[in-house]
């Protein structure tokens, strides 16, 4: 009887398999950025319905795109140590079940945003879904070593989703938040790509360390980190944030630059993953600094581009 129950468990995907397909840790970071975008878009409080329904809709569409990534990449995931335990790579979720899950979560999320938030936010989420789930996953990822740079635009949009959920408009402040994540993405992901170089090479995915070498990639991590730090200063320069944010951005960026230089030097074998893990902490703290700064700034100091 115990063996029968175990077999049935394997044949019936558990809720945690579907949750894993949504890449919940990535989505949580996206929701943090989207929430900060909501609060930065208004001098007061975000309406509770926008805050709750908006984030649920954004999470569902993002989870759908992540699940589509699992579906499309299930074969190469099975050949990579980092991803071989994923539900679809292991066969715990079938292609048909995966496709249905992608469709249901995506449509429900899009519908919530369209009906309860606004069409602009819904269509921006759809565009991001197409960009990440189809353009990046099905084409860019396998076509060019600049896949992360180009495809990073699709993953950089969550704070803009939050902004438009409140304002129903495309404004300079929201677009600047996108630019910050866009500049952050290459040094964030290339650090991981260095650690997983042989795995990407095995499945013929042309990540930068595979096509141009590790040292070349390390140098570009340093260069993009510098660009990222310069971009993160812009909210202060345009009057969108105050000194609290500026100091936070410079300190956090300085630590990021330190790890990128340690990585470039090459003496620390743990540097790639330490840089990667810090980059996640960095983005979360940077956006929290934006949020805190927003509510301690003098009223009326906003000057948007």
C-alpha atoms as a PDB file:
ATOM      1  CA  UNK A   1       0.000   0.000   0.000  1.00  0.00           C
ATOM      2  CA  UNK A   2       2.855   2.398   0.796  1.00  0.00           C
ATOM      3  CA  UNK A   3       4.419   1.755  -2.618  1.00  0.00           C
ATOM      4  CA  UNK A   4       1.086   2.370  -4.339  1.00  0.00           C
ATOM      5  CA  UNK A   5       0.654   5.684  -2.564  1.00  0.00           C
ATOM      6  CA  UNK A   6       4.218   6.690  -3.543  1.00  0.00           C
ATOM      7  CA  UNK A   7       3.557   5.873  -7.212  1.00  0.00           C
ATOM      8  CA  UNK A   8       0.370   7.881  -7.205  1.00  0.00           C
ATOM      9  CA  UNK A   9       2.235  10.812  -5.683  1.00  0.00           C
ATOM     10  CA  UNK A  10       4.774  10.699  -8.508  1.00  0.00           C
ATOM     11  CA  UNK A  11       2.022  10.572 -11.141  1.00  0.00           C
ATOM     12  CA  UNK A  12       0.063  13.438  -9.641  1.00  0.00           C
ATOM     13  CA  UNK A  13       2.040  16.705  -9.584  1.00  0.00           C
ATOM     14  CA  UNK A  14       2.019  18.277  -6.167  1.00  0.00           C
ATOM     15  CA  UNK A  15       1.256  21.944  -5.615  1.00  0.00           C
ATOM     16  CA  UNK A  16       4.892  22.575  -4.795  1.00  0.00           C
ATOM     17  CA  UNK A  17       5.906  21.392  -8.283  1.00  0.00           C
ATOM     18  CA  UNK A  18       3.695  24.029  -9.853  1.00  0.00           C
ATOM     19  CA  UNK A  19       4.941  26.591  -7.351  1.00  0.00           C
ATOM     20  CA  UNK A  20       8.547  25.760  -8.262  1.00  0.00           C
ATOM     21  CA  UNK A  21       7.721  26.256 -11.941  1.00  0.00           C
ATOM     22  CA  UNK A  22       6.731  29.847 -11.095  1.00  0.00           C
ATOM     23  CA  UNK A  23      10.271  30.539  -9.760  1.00  0.00           C
ATOM     24  CA  UNK A  24       8.833  31.979  -6.527  1.00  0.00           C
ATOM     25  CA  UNK A  25      12.061  33.586  -5.258  1.00  0.00           C
ATOM     26  CA  UNK A  26      12.477  35.469  -8.527  1.00  0.00           C
ATOM     27  CA  UNK A  27       8.819  36.492  -8.493  1.00  0.00           C
ATOM     28  CA  UNK A  28       9.076  37.715  -4.890  1.00  0.00           C
ATOM     29  CA  UNK A  29      11.966  39.981  -5.867  1.00  0.00           C
ATOM     30  CA  UNK A  30       9.898  41.210  -8.825  1.00  0.00           C
ATOM     31  CA  UNK A  31       6.967  41.944  -6.511  1.00  0.00           C
ATOM     32  CA  UNK A  32       9.211  43.929  -4.180  1.00  0.00           C
ATOM     33  CA  UNK A  33      10.294  46.064  -7.136  1.00  0.00           C
ATOM     34  CA  UNK A  34       6.706  46.392  -8.376  1.00  0.00           C
ATOM     35  CA  UNK A  35       5.498  47.415  -4.914  1.00  0.00           C
ATOM     36  CA  UNK A  36       8.212  50.051  -4.629  1.00  0.00           C
ATOM     37  CA  UNK A  37       7.168  51.298  -8.068  1.00  0.00           C
ATOM     38  CA  UNK A  38       3.608  51.683  -6.790  1.00  0.00           C
ATOM     39  CA  UNK A  39       4.621  53.718  -3.751  1.00  0.00           C
ATOM     40  CA  UNK A  40       7.067  55.900  -5.665  1.00  0.00           C
ATOM     41  CA  UNK A  41       4.307  56.803  -8.107  1.00  0.00           C
ATOM     42  CA  UNK A  42       2.279  58.617  -5.452  1.00  0.00           C
ATOM     43  CA  UNK A  43       3.149  61.002  -2.600  1.00  0.00           C
ATOM     44  CA  UNK A  44       0.567  59.297  -0.402  1.00  0.00           C
ATOM     45  CA  UNK A  45      -0.561  55.724   0.148  1.00  0.00           C
ATOM     46  CA  UNK A  46      -1.297  53.258  -2.622  1.00  0.00           C
ATOM     47  CA  UNK A  47      -4.987  52.237  -2.730  1.00  0.00           C
ATOM     48  CA  UNK A  48      -5.311  48.838  -1.077  1.00  0.00           C
ATOM     49  CA  UNK A  49      -7.093  47.272  -4.074  1.00  0.00           C
ATOM     50  CA  UNK A  50      -4.294  48.353  -6.408  1.00  0.00           C
ATOM     51  CA  UNK A  51      -1.652  47.086  -3.992  1.00  0.00           C
ATOM     52  CA  UNK A  52      -3.246  43.672  -3.497  1.00  0.00           C
ATOM     53  CA  UNK A  53      -4.888  42.897  -6.846  1.00  0.00           C
ATOM     54  CA  UNK A  54      -2.089  44.544  -8.799  1.00  0.00           C
ATOM     55  CA  UNK A  55       0.565  42.392  -7.164  1.00  0.00           C
ATOM     56  CA  UNK A  56      -1.497  39.228  -7.529  1.00  0.00           C
ATOM     57  CA  UNK A  57      -1.971  39.915 -11.233  1.00  0.00           C
ATOM     58  CA  UNK A  58       1.700  40.749 -11.760  1.00  0.00           C
ATOM     59  CA  UNK A  59       2.734  37.615  -9.842  1.00  0.00           C
ATOM     60  CA  UNK A  60       0.460  35.365 -11.908  1.00  0.00           C
ATOM     61  CA  UNK A  61       1.695  36.704 -15.245  1.00  0.00           C
ATOM     62  CA  UNK A  62       5.320  36.475 -14.082  1.00  0.00           C
ATOM     63  CA  UNK A  63       4.729  32.952 -12.800  1.00  0.00           C
ATOM     64  CA  UNK A  64       3.190  32.008 -16.137  1.00  0.00           C
ATOM     65  CA  UNK A  65       6.251  33.284 -18.020  1.00  0.00           C
ATOM     66  CA  UNK A  66       8.541  31.381 -15.647  1.00  0.00           C
ATOM     67  CA  UNK A  67       6.512  28.211 -16.132  1.00  0.00           C
ATOM     68  CA  UNK A  68       6.749  28.662 -19.902  1.00  0.00           C
ATOM     69  CA  UNK A  69      10.517  28.831 -19.457  1.00  0.00           C
ATOM     70  CA  UNK A  70      10.371  25.485 -17.620  1.00  0.00           C
ATOM     71  CA  UNK A  71       8.237  24.026 -20.412  1.00  0.00           C
ATOM     72  CA  UNK A  72      10.441  25.171 -23.289  1.00  0.00           C
ATOM     73  CA  UNK A  73      13.741  24.378 -21.555  1.00  0.00           C
ATOM     74  CA  UNK A  74      12.776  21.041 -19.998  1.00  0.00           C
ATOM     75  CA  UNK A  75      15.206  19.074 -22.182  1.00  0.00           C
ATOM     76  CA  UNK A  76      18.258  21.233 -21.543  1.00  0.00           C
ATOM     77  CA  UNK A  77      17.265  21.588 -17.877  1.00  0.00           C
ATOM     78  CA  UNK A  78      17.572  17.807 -17.541  1.00  0.00           C
ATOM     79  CA  UNK A  79      21.236  18.023 -18.636  1.00  0.00           C
ATOM     80  CA  UNK A  80      22.279  20.806 -16.247  1.00  0.00           C
ATOM     81  CA  UNK A  81      23.141  20.180 -12.599  1.00  0.00           C
ATOM     82  CA  UNK A  82      21.499  23.448 -11.492  1.00  0.00           C
ATOM     83  CA  UNK A  83      18.169  22.632 -13.131  1.00  0.00           C
ATOM     84  CA  UNK A  84      17.958  18.857 -13.517  1.00  0.00           C
ATOM     85  CA  UNK A  85      15.634  18.482 -10.495  1.00  0.00           C
ATOM     86  CA  UNK A  86      13.008  20.836 -11.925  1.00  0.00           C
ATOM     87  CA  UNK A  87       9.496  19.323 -12.147  1.00  0.00           C
ATOM     88  CA  UNK A  88       9.276  19.194 -15.935  1.00  0.00           C
ATOM     89  CA  UNK A  89      12.882  18.087 -16.370  1.00  0.00           C
ATOM     90  CA  UNK A  90      12.097  15.162 -14.047  1.00  0.00           C
ATOM     91  CA  UNK A  91       8.765  14.417 -15.722  1.00  0.00           C
ATOM     92  CA  UNK A  92       6.721  15.113 -12.598  1.00  0.00           C
ATOM     93  CA  UNK A  93       4.716  17.592 -14.689  1.00  0.00           C
ATOM     94  CA  UNK A  94       3.867  16.616 -18.259  1.00  0.00           C
ATOM     95  CA  UNK A  95       4.080  18.970 -21.239  1.00  0.00           C
ATOM     96  CA  UNK A  96       0.282  19.094 -21.424  1.00  0.00           C
ATOM     97  CA  UNK A  97      -0.080  19.878 -17.730  1.00  0.00           C
ATOM     98  CA  UNK A  98       2.673  22.484 -17.970  1.00  0.00           C
ATOM     99  CA  UNK A  99       1.037  24.169 -20.964  1.00  0.00           C
ATOM    100  CA  UNK A 100      -2.329  24.291 -19.191  1.00  0.00           C
ATOM    101  CA  UNK A 101      -0.715  25.802 -16.108  1.00  0.00           C
ATOM    102  CA  UNK A 102       1.030  28.444 -18.228  1.00  0.00           C
ATOM    103  CA  UNK A 103      -2.248  29.354 -19.937  1.00  0.00           C
ATOM    104  CA  UNK A 104      -4.393  29.457 -16.785  1.00  0.00           C
ATOM    105  CA  UNK A 105      -2.024  31.532 -14.655  1.00  0.00           C
ATOM    106  CA  UNK A 106      -1.265  33.914 -17.512  1.00  0.00           C
ATOM    107  CA  UNK A 107      -4.894  34.483 -18.473  1.00  0.00           C
ATOM    108  CA  UNK A 108      -6.083  34.911 -14.879  1.00  0.00           C
ATOM    109  CA  UNK A 109      -3.289  37.379 -14.128  1.00  0.00           C
ATOM    110  CA  UNK A 110      -3.891  39.339 -17.322  1.00  0.00           C
ATOM    111  CA  UNK A 111      -7.644  39.395 -16.637  1.00  0.00           C
ATOM    112  CA  UNK A 112      -7.200  40.697 -13.095  1.00  0.00           C
ATOM    113  CA  UNK A 113      -4.976  43.517 -14.317  1.00  0.00           C
ATOM    114  CA  UNK A 114      -7.254  44.383 -17.233  1.00  0.00           C
ATOM    115  CA  UNK A 115     -10.473  44.439 -15.201  1.00  0.00           C
ATOM    116  CA  UNK A 116      -9.396  45.705 -11.775  1.00  0.00           C
ATOM    117  CA  UNK A 117      -6.250  47.776 -12.479  1.00  0.00           C
ATOM    118  CA  UNK A 118      -5.995  49.261 -15.984  1.00  0.00           C
ATOM    119  CA  UNK A 119      -5.402  48.081 -19.572  1.00  0.00           C
ATOM    120  CA  UNK A 120      -1.970  49.737 -19.798  1.00  0.00           C
ATOM    121  CA  UNK A 121      -0.610  47.647 -16.923  1.00  0.00           C
ATOM    122  CA  UNK A 122      -2.230  44.507 -18.336  1.00  0.00           C
ATOM    123  CA  UNK A 123      -0.723  44.981 -21.808  1.00  0.00           C
ATOM    124  CA  UNK A 124       2.710  45.853 -20.409  1.00  0.00           C
ATOM    125  CA  UNK A 125       2.646  42.588 -18.460  1.00  0.00           C
ATOM    126  CA  UNK A 126       1.616  40.725 -21.587  1.00  0.00           C
ATOM    127  CA  UNK A 127       4.467  42.326 -23.533  1.00  0.00           C
ATOM    128  CA  UNK A 128       6.913  41.261 -20.825  1.00  0.00           C
ATOM    129  CA  UNK A 129       5.451  37.731 -20.905  1.00  0.00           C
ATOM    130  CA  UNK A 130       6.017  37.545 -24.662  1.00  0.00           C
ATOM    131  CA  UNK A 131       9.490  39.045 -24.311  1.00  0.00           C
ATOM    132  CA  UNK A 132      10.726  36.664 -21.630  1.00  0.00           C
ATOM    133  CA  UNK A 133       8.701  33.546 -22.353  1.00  0.00           C
ATOM    134  CA  UNK A 134       8.968  33.592 -26.148  1.00  0.00           C
ATOM    135  CA  UNK A 135      11.576  36.034 -27.488  1.00  0.00           C
ATOM    136  CA  UNK A 136      14.224  35.379 -24.826  1.00  0.00           C
ATOM    137  CA  UNK A 137      13.547  31.742 -23.941  1.00  0.00           C
ATOM    138  CA  UNK A 138      12.858  30.456 -27.452  1.00  0.00           C
ATOM    139  CA  UNK A 139      15.242  32.625 -29.469  1.00  0.00           C
ATOM    140  CA  UNK A 140      17.681  35.020 -27.764  1.00  0.00           C
ATOM    141  CA  UNK A 141      18.927  32.528 -25.185  1.00  0.00           C
ATOM    142  CA  UNK A 142      20.214  30.239 -27.924  1.00  0.00           C
ATOM    143  CA  UNK A 143      21.087  32.861 -30.528  1.00  0.00           C
ATOM    144  CA  UNK A 144      23.583  35.329 -29.041  1.00  0.00           C
ATOM    145  CA  UNK A 145      25.961  35.778 -26.092  1.00  0.00           C
ATOM    146  CA  UNK A 146      24.246  39.132 -25.589  1.00  0.00           C
ATOM    147  CA  UNK A 147      21.063  37.256 -24.655  1.00  0.00           C
ATOM    148  CA  UNK A 148      21.127  38.548 -21.078  1.00  0.00           C
ATOM    149  CA  UNK A 149      21.765  42.164 -22.104  1.00  0.00           C
ATOM    150  CA  UNK A 150      18.935  42.246 -24.647  1.00  0.00           C
ATOM    151  CA  UNK A 151      16.568  39.955 -22.782  1.00  0.00           C
ATOM    152  CA  UNK A 152      17.185  41.806 -19.538  1.00  0.00           C
ATOM    153  CA  UNK A 153      14.777  44.502 -20.668  1.00  0.00           C
ATOM    154  CA  UNK A 154      11.864  42.087 -20.327  1.00  0.00           C
ATOM    155  CA  UNK A 155      12.774  41.190 -16.758  1.00  0.00           C
ATOM    156  CA  UNK A 156      13.406  44.806 -15.787  1.00  0.00           C
ATOM    157  CA  UNK A 157       9.801  45.942 -16.120  1.00  0.00           C
ATOM    158  CA  UNK A 158       8.183  45.074 -12.709  1.00  0.00           C
ATOM    159  CA  UNK A 159       8.676  48.535 -11.131  1.00  0.00           C
ATOM    160  CA  UNK A 160       7.058  50.062 -14.218  1.00  0.00           C
ATOM    161  CA  UNK A 161       4.105  47.698 -13.763  1.00  0.00           C
ATOM    162  CA  UNK A 162       3.697  48.988 -10.226  1.00  0.00           C
ATOM    163  CA  UNK A 163       4.032  52.583 -11.386  1.00  0.00           C
ATOM    164  CA  UNK A 164       1.428  52.291 -14.151  1.00  0.00           C
ATOM    165  CA  UNK A 165      -0.913  50.375 -11.845  1.00  0.00           C
ATOM    166  CA  UNK A 166      -1.175  53.578  -9.809  1.00  0.00           C
ATOM    167  CA  UNK A 167      -0.835  56.276 -12.480  1.00  0.00           C
ATOM    168  CA  UNK A 168      -2.159  54.569 -15.629  1.00  0.00           C
ATOM    169  CA  UNK A 169       0.603  56.402 -17.517  1.00  0.00           C
ATOM    170  CA  UNK A 170       4.188  55.973 -18.707  1.00  0.00           C
ATOM    171  CA  UNK A 171       6.334  58.496 -16.838  1.00  0.00           C
ATOM    172  CA  UNK A 172      10.047  59.174 -16.541  1.00  0.00           C
ATOM    173  CA  UNK A 173      10.212  57.972 -12.950  1.00  0.00           C
ATOM    174  CA  UNK A 174       8.832  54.544 -13.789  1.00  0.00           C
ATOM    175  CA  UNK A 175      11.084  54.188 -16.830  1.00  0.00           C
ATOM    176  CA  UNK A 176      14.132  55.105 -14.750  1.00  0.00           C
ATOM    177  CA  UNK A 177      13.358  52.266 -12.353  1.00  0.00           C
ATOM    178  CA  UNK A 178      13.343  49.928 -15.354  1.00  0.00           C
ATOM    179  CA  UNK A 179      16.730  51.284 -16.420  1.00  0.00           C
ATOM    180  CA  UNK A 180      18.203  50.461 -13.005  1.00  0.00           C
ATOM    181  CA  UNK A 181      17.216  46.783 -13.224  1.00  0.00           C
ATOM    182  CA  UNK A 182      18.232  46.663 -16.891  1.00  0.00           C
ATOM    183  CA  UNK A 183      21.763  47.787 -15.936  1.00  0.00           C
ATOM    184  CA  UNK A 184      21.826  45.378 -12.965  1.00  0.00           C
ATOM    185  CA  UNK A 185      20.901  42.242 -14.928  1.00  0.00           C
ATOM    186  CA  UNK A 186      24.150  41.532 -16.865  1.00  0.00           C
ATOM    187  CA  UNK A 187      26.572  41.600 -13.895  1.00  0.00           C
ATOM    188  CA  UNK A 188      24.011  39.687 -11.839  1.00  0.00           C
ATOM    189  CA  UNK A 189      23.557  36.835 -14.297  1.00  0.00           C
ATOM    190  CA  UNK A 190      27.055  36.697 -15.803  1.00  0.00           C
ATOM    191  CA  UNK A 191      28.453  35.913 -12.351  1.00  0.00           C
ATOM    192  CA  UNK A 192      26.239  32.821 -12.283  1.00  0.00           C
ATOM    193  CA  UNK A 193      27.093  32.013 -15.900  1.00  0.00           C
ATOM    194  CA  UNK A 194      30.796  31.905 -14.996  1.00  0.00           C
ATOM    195  CA  UNK A 195      30.089  29.368 -12.257  1.00  0.00           C
ATOM    196  CA  UNK A 196      27.926  27.287 -14.626  1.00  0.00           C
ATOM    197  CA  UNK A 197      30.039  27.733 -17.754  1.00  0.00           C
ATOM    198  CA  UNK A 198      30.572  24.026 -18.451  1.00  0.00           C
ATOM    199  CA  UNK A 199      26.865  23.293 -18.033  1.00  0.00           C
ATOM    200  CA  UNK A 200      25.882  25.965 -20.550  1.00  0.00           C
ATOM    201  CA  UNK A 201      28.580  24.704 -22.911  1.00  0.00           C
ATOM    202  CA  UNK A 202      27.242  21.162 -22.611  1.00  0.00           C
ATOM    203  CA  UNK A 203      23.728  22.181 -23.688  1.00  0.00           C
ATOM    204  CA  UNK A 204      25.020  24.560 -26.401  1.00  0.00           C
ATOM    205  CA  UNK A 205      23.688  27.780 -24.854  1.00  0.00           C
ATOM    206  CA  UNK A 206      26.006  30.648 -25.926  1.00  0.00           C
ATOM    207  CA  UNK A 207      26.437  32.451 -22.633  1.00  0.00           C
ATOM    208  CA  UNK A 208      29.228  35.031 -22.637  1.00  0.00           C
ATOM    209  CA  UNK A 209      31.755  32.906 -20.657  1.00  0.00           C
ATOM    210  CA  UNK A 210      31.257  30.090 -23.177  1.00  0.00           C
ATOM    211  CA  UNK A 211      31.709  32.197 -26.309  1.00  0.00           C
ATOM    212  CA  UNK A 212      34.249  34.810 -25.155  1.00  0.00           C
ATOM    213  CA  UNK A 213      35.920  33.259 -22.136  1.00  0.00           C
ATOM    214  CA  UNK A 214      35.757  33.751 -18.385  1.00  0.00           C
ATOM    215  CA  UNK A 215      38.249  36.629 -18.118  1.00  0.00           C
ATOM    216  CA  UNK A 216      36.433  38.619 -20.809  1.00  0.00           C
ATOM    217  CA  UNK A 217      33.171  38.084 -18.914  1.00  0.00           C
ATOM    218  CA  UNK A 218      34.730  39.154 -15.611  1.00  0.00           C
ATOM    219  CA  UNK A 219      35.937  42.401 -17.185  1.00  0.00           C
ATOM    220  CA  UNK A 220      32.457  43.095 -18.536  1.00  0.00           C
ATOM    221  CA  UNK A 221      30.950  42.427 -15.110  1.00  0.00           C
ATOM    222  CA  UNK A 222      33.168  45.192 -13.721  1.00  0.00           C
ATOM    223  CA  UNK A 223      32.265  47.573 -16.571  1.00  0.00           C
ATOM    224  CA  UNK A 224      28.528  46.919 -16.272  1.00  0.00           C
ATOM    225  CA  UNK A 225      28.721  47.295 -12.493  1.00  0.00           C
ATOM    226  CA  UNK A 226      30.188  50.772 -12.978  1.00  0.00           C
ATOM    227  CA  UNK A 227      27.427  51.605 -15.454  1.00  0.00           C
ATOM    228  CA  UNK A 228      24.859  50.295 -12.968  1.00  0.00           C
ATOM    229  CA  UNK A 229      26.221  52.475 -10.166  1.00  0.00           C
ATOM    230  CA  UNK A 230      26.062  55.547 -12.409  1.00  0.00           C
ATOM    231  CA  UNK A 231      22.469  54.734 -13.361  1.00  0.00           C
ATOM    232  CA  UNK A 232      21.435  54.308  -9.715  1.00  0.00           C
ATOM    233  CA  UNK A 233      22.597  57.874  -9.010  1.00  0.00           C
ATOM    234  CA  UNK A 234      20.100  59.291 -11.520  1.00  0.00           C
ATOM    235  CA  UNK A 235      17.055  59.233  -9.188  1.00  0.00           C
ATOM    236  CA  UNK A 236      18.915  61.659  -6.918  1.00  0.00           C
ATOM    237  CA  UNK A 237      20.123  63.841  -9.789  1.00  0.00           C
ATOM    238  CA  UNK A 238      16.609  64.350 -11.176  1.00  0.00           C
ATOM    239  CA  UNK A 239      15.060  65.049  -7.761  1.00  0.00           C
ATOM    240  CA  UNK A 240      13.226  61.748  -7.515  1.00  0.00           C
ATOM    241  CA  UNK A 241      15.065  60.796  -4.323  1.00  0.00           C
ATOM    242  CA  UNK A 242      17.037  62.420  -1.542  1.00  0.00           C
ATOM    243  CA  UNK A 243      20.423  62.028   0.178  1.00  0.00           C
ATOM    244  CA  UNK A 244      19.354  58.923   2.115  1.00  0.00           C
ATOM    245  CA  UNK A 245      18.886  57.026  -1.123  1.00  0.00           C
ATOM    246  CA  UNK A 246      22.055  58.461  -2.675  1.00  0.00           C
ATOM    247  CA  UNK A 247      24.224  57.292   0.226  1.00  0.00           C
ATOM    248  CA  UNK A 248      22.550  53.875   0.183  1.00  0.00           C
ATOM    249  CA  UNK A 249      23.034  53.516  -3.564  1.00  0.00           C
ATOM    250  CA  UNK A 250      26.709  54.431  -3.376  1.00  0.00           C
ATOM    251  CA  UNK A 251      27.443  52.142  -0.422  1.00  0.00           C
ATOM    252  CA  UNK A 252      25.549  49.196  -1.906  1.00  0.00           C
ATOM    253  CA  UNK A 253      27.083  49.839  -5.315  1.00  0.00           C
ATOM    254  CA  UNK A 254      30.553  50.071  -3.780  1.00  0.00           C
ATOM    255  CA  UNK A 255      30.143  46.615  -2.245  1.00  0.00           C
ATOM    256  CA  UNK A 256      28.947  45.273  -5.609  1.00  0.00           C
ATOM    257  CA  UNK A 257      32.006  46.797  -7.295  1.00  0.00           C
ATOM    258  CA  UNK A 258      34.245  45.261  -4.639  1.00  0.00           C
ATOM    259  CA  UNK A 259      32.921  41.772  -5.399  1.00  0.00           C
ATOM    260  CA  UNK A 260      33.205  42.322  -9.137  1.00  0.00           C
ATOM    261  CA  UNK A 261      36.873  43.300  -8.668  1.00  0.00           C
ATOM    262  CA  UNK A 262      37.485  40.253  -6.459  1.00  0.00           C
ATOM    263  CA  UNK A 263      35.949  38.212  -9.249  1.00  0.00           C
ATOM    264  CA  UNK A 264      38.175  39.882 -11.845  1.00  0.00           C
ATOM    265  CA  UNK A 265      41.317  39.262  -9.786  1.00  0.00           C
ATOM    266  CA  UNK A 266      40.506  35.560  -9.759  1.00  0.00           C
ATOM    267  CA  UNK A 267      42.057  34.523  -6.423  1.00  0.00           C
ATOM    268  CA  UNK A 268      38.745  33.630  -4.751  1.00  0.00           C
ATOM    269  CA  UNK A 269      37.102  30.507  -6.201  1.00  0.00           C
ATOM    270  CA  UNK A 270      33.859  31.392  -4.427  1.00  0.00           C
ATOM    271  CA  UNK A 271      33.712  34.870  -5.953  1.00  0.00           C
ATOM    272  CA  UNK A 272      31.272  34.051  -8.802  1.00  0.00           C
ATOM    273  CA  UNK A 273      28.538  32.763  -6.485  1.00  0.00           C
ATOM    274  CA  UNK A 274      29.264  35.346  -3.795  1.00  0.00           C
ATOM    275  CA  UNK A 275      28.889  38.064  -6.424  1.00  0.00           C
ATOM    276  CA  UNK A 276      25.680  36.462  -7.710  1.00  0.00           C
ATOM    277  CA  UNK A 277      24.143  36.114  -4.245  1.00  0.00           C
ATOM    278  CA  UNK A 278      25.123  39.631  -3.244  1.00  0.00           C
ATOM    279  CA  UNK A 279      23.569  41.009  -6.434  1.00  0.00           C
ATOM    280  CA  UNK A 280      20.174  39.708  -5.298  1.00  0.00           C
ATOM    281  CA  UNK A 281      20.556  41.260  -1.847  1.00  0.00           C
ATOM    282  CA  UNK A 282      21.785  44.453  -3.501  1.00  0.00           C
ATOM    283  CA  UNK A 283      18.694  44.928  -5.653  1.00  0.00           C
ATOM    284  CA  UNK A 284      16.307  44.293  -2.779  1.00  0.00           C
ATOM    285  CA  UNK A 285      18.094  46.728  -0.472  1.00  0.00           C
ATOM    286  CA  UNK A 286      18.421  49.360  -3.207  1.00  0.00           C
ATOM    287  CA  UNK A 287      14.683  49.395  -3.830  1.00  0.00           C
ATOM    288  CA  UNK A 288      13.943  49.386  -0.109  1.00  0.00           C
ATOM    289  CA  UNK A 289      16.206  52.436   0.182  1.00  0.00           C
ATOM    290  CA  UNK A 290      14.195  54.121  -2.564  1.00  0.00           C
ATOM    291  CA  UNK A 291      10.994  53.356  -0.665  1.00  0.00           C
ATOM    292  CA  UNK A 292      12.217  54.592   2.718  1.00  0.00           C
ATOM    293  CA  UNK A 293      13.734  57.708   1.182  1.00  0.00           C
ATOM    294  CA  UNK A 294      10.453  58.456  -0.598  1.00  0.00           C
ATOM    295  CA  UNK A 295       8.592  58.866   2.676  1.00  0.00           C
ATOM    296  CA  UNK A 296      11.217  60.904   4.510  1.00  0.00           C
ATOM    297  CA  UNK A 297      11.863  63.424   1.692  1.00  0.00           C
ATOM    298  CA  UNK A 298      10.504  66.955   1.906  1.00  0.00           C
ATOM    299  CA  UNK A 299       7.090  67.226   0.304  1.00  0.00           C
ATOM    300  CA  UNK A 300       7.116  68.726  -3.151  1.00  0.00           C
ATOM    301  CA  UNK A 301      10.696  67.844  -4.028  1.00  0.00           C
ATOM    302  CA  UNK A 302       9.785  65.606  -6.971  1.00  0.00           C
ATOM    303  CA  UNK A 303      11.093  66.678 -10.358  1.00  0.00           C
ATOM    304  CA  UNK A 304      10.497  63.997 -12.964  1.00  0.00           C
ATOM    305  CA  UNK A 305      12.172  63.905 -16.348  1.00  0.00           C
END
